[in-house]
Protein backbone atom coordinates (compact mmCIF):
# COMPACT_ATOMS: atom_id res chain seq x y z
CA MET A 1 0.00 0.00 0.00
CA SER A 2 1.25 3.45 -0.82
CA ASN A 3 1.22 6.78 0.98
CA THR A 4 -1.28 7.90 -1.66
CA GLN A 5 -3.73 5.21 -0.55
CA ALA A 6 -3.25 6.19 3.10
CA LYS A 7 -4.00 9.81 2.20
CA LYS A 8 -7.11 8.70 0.29
CA LEU A 9 -8.36 6.75 3.30
CA LYS A 10 -7.70 9.71 5.59
CA ASN A 11 -10.13 11.73 3.48
CA GLU A 12 -12.86 9.26 4.50
CA ILE A 13 -12.21 9.77 8.21
CA ASP A 14 -14.44 12.06 10.26
CA PHE A 15 -11.91 13.92 12.39
CA ASP A 16 -14.70 14.98 14.75
CA ASN A 17 -15.29 11.32 15.64
CA ILE A 18 -11.79 9.95 16.23
CA PRO A 19 -11.70 7.21 18.91
CA GLU A 20 -10.14 8.80 21.97
CA HIS A 21 -8.45 5.61 23.15
CA VAL A 22 -7.20 2.94 20.74
CA ALA A 23 -5.75 -0.35 22.03
CA ILE A 24 -3.74 -2.74 19.86
CA ILE A 25 -2.74 -6.37 20.40
CA MET A 26 0.43 -6.53 18.32
CA ASP A 27 0.25 -10.12 17.06
CA GLY A 28 1.82 -12.13 14.27
CA ASN A 29 5.55 -11.42 14.42
CA GLY A 30 6.49 -15.09 14.67
CA ARG A 31 4.21 -16.17 11.84
CA TRP A 32 5.49 -13.31 9.66
CA ALA A 33 9.04 -14.59 10.14
CA LYS A 34 8.09 -18.24 9.61
CA LYS A 35 6.39 -17.43 6.29
CA ARG A 36 9.72 -15.95 5.14
CA PHE A 37 11.87 -18.77 6.57
CA LEU A 38 13.43 -16.29 9.00
CA PRO A 39 14.09 -16.62 12.75
CA ARG A 40 11.35 -15.29 15.04
CA ALA A 41 13.70 -12.50 16.09
CA ALA A 42 13.46 -11.06 12.57
CA GLY A 43 9.68 -10.85 12.95
CA HIS A 44 10.03 -9.01 16.26
CA GLN A 45 12.50 -6.56 14.72
CA GLU A 46 10.10 -5.81 11.87
CA GLY A 47 7.27 -5.55 14.39
CA MET A 48 9.21 -2.88 16.28
CA LYS A 49 9.38 -0.80 13.09
CA ARG A 50 5.58 -0.95 12.92
CA VAL A 51 5.37 0.36 16.47
CA VAL A 52 7.33 3.42 15.33
CA ASP A 53 5.06 3.86 12.28
CA ILE A 54 1.75 3.35 14.09
CA VAL A 55 2.62 5.64 17.00
CA GLU A 56 3.46 8.34 14.46
CA ALA A 57 0.24 7.67 12.52
CA ALA A 58 -1.81 7.83 15.74
CA GLU A 59 -0.24 11.21 16.53
CA LYS A 60 -1.29 12.55 13.13
CA LEU A 61 -4.84 11.28 13.64
CA ASN A 62 -5.05 13.05 17.02
CA ILE A 63 -5.65 9.84 18.96
CA LYS A 64 -5.25 10.86 22.61
CA TYR A 65 -4.44 7.46 24.14
CA LEU A 66 -2.73 4.52 22.45
CA SER A 67 -2.35 1.27 24.44
CA LEU A 68 -0.02 -1.37 23.01
CA TYR A 69 0.23 -4.95 24.26
CA ALA A 70 4.00 -5.47 24.10
CA PHE A 71 4.75 -8.30 26.55
CA SER A 72 2.22 -10.38 28.46
CA THR A 73 2.51 -12.30 31.72
CA GLU A 74 2.22 -15.45 29.57
CA ASN A 75 5.12 -14.48 27.30
CA TRP A 76 7.60 -15.64 29.95
CA LYS A 77 6.76 -19.18 28.78
CA ARG A 78 8.63 -18.51 25.52
CA PRO A 79 12.24 -19.67 24.98
CA LYS A 80 14.78 -17.67 26.99
CA GLU A 81 16.61 -16.59 23.85
CA GLU A 82 13.43 -15.07 22.41
CA ILE A 83 12.61 -13.27 25.69
CA ASN A 84 16.13 -11.81 25.82
CA GLY A 85 15.74 -10.64 22.24
CA LEU A 86 12.43 -8.94 23.04
CA MET A 87 13.97 -7.15 26.03
CA LYS A 88 16.86 -5.92 23.87
CA LEU A 89 14.34 -4.62 21.33
CA LEU A 90 12.52 -2.76 24.08
CA VAL A 91 15.76 -1.02 25.07
CA LYS A 92 16.55 -0.30 21.42
CA TYR A 93 13.10 1.22 20.85
CA ILE A 94 13.52 3.56 23.81
CA GLU A 95 17.03 4.56 22.71
CA MET A 96 15.83 5.24 19.17
CA GLU A 97 12.51 6.91 19.83
CA LEU A 98 12.54 8.57 23.25
CA GLU A 99 13.94 11.90 22.10
CA ARG A 100 11.41 12.18 19.27
CA LEU A 101 8.49 11.11 21.48
CA ASN A 102 9.45 13.65 24.11
CA LYS A 103 9.90 16.38 21.51
CA ASN A 104 6.44 15.59 20.14
CA ASN A 105 4.91 16.00 23.63
CA ILE A 106 4.02 12.30 24.04
CA LYS A 107 3.78 10.85 27.52
CA ILE A 108 4.94 7.27 28.04
CA GLN A 109 3.34 5.18 30.74
CA THR A 110 3.14 1.48 31.39
CA MET A 111 0.79 -1.15 32.75
CA GLY A 112 2.06 -4.37 34.25
CA ASN A 113 4.52 -5.48 36.90
CA LEU A 114 7.82 -3.89 35.86
CA SER A 115 9.69 -5.34 38.84
CA LYS A 116 10.05 -8.65 37.00
CA LEU A 117 11.76 -7.12 33.98
CA PRO A 118 15.56 -7.46 33.72
CA LYS A 119 17.47 -4.54 35.24
CA ILE A 120 18.50 -2.62 32.11
CA PRO A 121 15.11 -2.76 30.30
CA ARG A 122 13.37 -1.78 33.56
CA GLN A 123 15.70 1.18 34.07
CA GLU A 124 15.22 2.34 30.49
CA VAL A 125 11.44 2.15 30.80
CA GLU A 126 11.56 4.08 34.08
CA ARG A 127 13.78 6.70 32.43
CA ALA A 128 11.31 7.11 29.55
CA VAL A 129 8.35 7.42 31.93
CA LYS A 130 10.16 10.00 34.06
CA LEU A 131 11.37 12.10 31.12
CA THR A 132 7.92 12.33 29.51
CA GLU A 133 5.73 12.54 32.62
CA ASN A 134 4.58 16.12 31.96
CA ASN A 135 3.82 15.69 28.24
CA THR A 136 0.23 16.25 27.16
CA LYS A 137 -0.39 15.57 23.43
CA MET A 138 -0.84 11.81 23.58
CA ILE A 139 -0.36 9.03 26.13
CA LEU A 140 1.49 5.98 24.84
CA ASN A 141 0.48 3.26 27.29
CA ILE A 142 2.62 0.13 26.96
CA GLY A 143 1.67 -3.24 28.45
CA LEU A 144 4.83 -4.87 29.84
CA ASN A 145 4.59 -8.04 31.90
CA TYR A 146 0.87 -7.29 31.79
CA GLY A 147 -2.12 -9.61 32.18
CA GLY A 148 -5.74 -8.58 32.60
CA LYS A 149 -6.51 -11.28 35.20
CA ASN A 150 -3.45 -10.34 37.27
CA GLU A 151 -4.45 -6.69 37.08
CA ILE A 152 -7.92 -7.42 38.52
CA VAL A 153 -6.49 -9.62 41.32
CA ARG A 154 -3.94 -6.88 42.12
CA ALA A 155 -6.76 -4.31 42.29
CA VAL A 156 -8.80 -6.49 44.68
CA LYS A 157 -5.79 -7.03 46.96
CA ASN A 158 -5.05 -3.28 47.06
CA ILE A 159 -8.71 -2.49 47.81
CA LEU A 160 -8.73 -5.01 50.67
CA GLU A 161 -5.53 -3.47 52.03
CA ASP A 162 -7.05 0.03 51.88
CA ILE A 163 -10.19 -1.18 53.68
CA LYS A 164 -8.00 -2.84 56.31
CA MET A 165 -6.04 0.40 56.76
CA GLY A 166 -9.27 2.40 57.04
CA ASN A 167 -8.55 4.46 53.91
CA ILE A 168 -11.88 3.44 52.33
CA SER A 169 -14.98 1.49 53.35
CA GLU A 170 -16.81 -1.31 51.56
CA GLU A 171 -19.59 1.18 50.73
CA ASP A 172 -17.07 3.23 48.71
CA ILE A 173 -16.49 0.41 46.26
CA ASN A 174 -18.17 0.80 42.88
CA THR A 175 -17.06 0.58 39.25
CA GLU A 176 -15.52 4.04 39.39
CA THR A 177 -13.45 3.46 42.52
CA PHE A 178 -12.46 -0.01 41.27
CA SER A 179 -11.08 1.58 38.10
CA ASN A 180 -8.79 3.69 40.26
CA TYR A 181 -7.00 0.54 41.38
CA LEU A 182 -6.18 -0.58 37.83
CA TYR A 183 -2.95 0.22 35.98
CA THR A 184 -5.05 2.43 33.69
CA LYS A 185 -6.17 4.79 36.46
CA GLY A 186 -6.99 8.16 34.91
CA LEU A 187 -7.31 6.77 31.38
CA PRO A 188 -10.67 6.45 29.60
CA GLU A 189 -11.67 2.93 28.62
CA PRO A 190 -10.63 1.94 25.08
CA ASP A 191 -13.07 2.94 22.35
CA LEU A 192 -11.48 0.66 19.78
CA LEU A 193 -9.44 -2.55 20.04
CA ILE A 194 -7.43 -3.56 16.98
CA ARG A 195 -6.05 -7.08 16.65
CA PRO A 196 -4.13 -8.01 13.52
CA SER A 197 -2.95 -11.53 12.59
CA GLY A 198 -6.33 -13.24 12.14
CA GLU A 199 -6.84 -14.20 15.78
CA GLN A 200 -10.12 -13.13 17.37
CA ARG A 201 -9.63 -13.13 21.12
CA LEU A 202 -8.53 -10.75 23.88
CA SER A 203 -5.61 -12.87 25.11
CA ASN A 204 -5.90 -11.52 28.66
CA PHE A 205 -5.66 -7.87 27.53
CA MET A 206 -7.51 -5.12 29.44
CA LEU A 207 -10.34 -7.45 30.45
CA TYR A 208 -12.04 -5.02 32.83
CA GLN A 209 -11.61 -1.97 30.62
CA MET A 210 -13.14 -3.43 27.45
CA ALA A 211 -16.74 -3.92 28.55
CA TYR A 212 -18.00 -1.66 25.72
CA THR A 213 -14.98 -1.44 23.43
CA GLU A 214 -15.52 -1.90 19.70
CA PHE A 215 -13.37 -4.72 18.26
CA TRP A 216 -11.71 -4.67 14.84
CA PHE A 217 -9.90 -7.77 13.58
CA SER A 218 -7.59 -8.06 10.58
CA ASP A 219 -5.80 -10.97 8.89
CA VAL A 220 -2.76 -8.72 8.33
CA LEU A 221 0.19 -9.80 10.49
CA TRP A 222 1.55 -7.05 12.75
CA PRO A 223 4.83 -6.54 10.81
CA ASP A 224 2.71 -5.80 7.72
CA PHE A 225 0.26 -3.52 9.56
CA LYS A 226 0.47 -0.03 8.08
CA GLU A 227 -1.02 3.42 8.53
CA GLU A 228 -3.76 2.61 6.02
CA ASP A 229 -4.83 -0.40 8.13
CA LEU A 230 -5.19 1.90 11.13
CA CYS A 231 -7.26 4.25 8.96
CA ARG A 232 -9.51 1.37 7.85
CA ALA A 233 -10.10 0.38 11.48
CA ILE A 234 -11.12 3.93 12.35
CA ILE A 235 -13.39 4.26 9.32
CA ASP A 236 -15.14 1.02 10.31
CA TYR A 237 -15.39 2.21 13.92
CA GLN A 238 -17.07 5.41 12.76
CA LYS A 239 -19.80 3.43 11.00
CA ARG A 240 -20.86 1.75 14.25
CA ASN A 241 -23.64 2.88 16.58
CA ARG A 242 -22.28 2.72 20.13
CA ARG A 243 -25.24 2.38 22.51
CA PHE A 244 -23.44 1.27 25.71
CA GLY A 245 -26.40 -0.94 26.63
CA GLY A 246 -29.02 1.70 25.77
CA ILE A 247 -31.33 1.94 22.77
């Protein structure tokens, strides 16, 4: 697909109805590599390039919040060599992109238990979060060692601890206060979830937050996912009637 086609698709987008929060499950790196008889690491490297492209495209579309599922709690089951490669790519991405993201007023935040990341990737992530903490144009929310079930259990434990400490009472607990105990505190719930690669499941991603999220699936593998695919997802989203349980 060419830049011309992306521009043509942009003309179909209603910029008064851009989804405020877009979440993406970046899936298909391994299959992309296998199709080309390449090691899985090559798929992850190409997938990182798409992160750069899609973050930039989201900026141009004035998306306010972009959540990317980068590394799940289940990904630790993968071979050690692959995990090490993914961690090195995370460091490389920050080294390559942090200056530009900060210059473009993008705030980086994370969801997940960072304490389990190796020392250098964890330090680099913390550096990126600290440097960009006052930026206001867009929030780039990255899921690292993240799992939706773990997030809910963590929230419940923290609520119980706060009740025990007398900070809140049981009567204070509702959907709004519960949301304040999630990693996404302060973020609106996703309007649109995009999952490339042909799979049609959440894979333990933002389970609580996606009660009324619109889903958009594509057979395109993540390393082939381009700006025009993002535009197509938004155009399809804009054709939907979001009723949130009403009429």
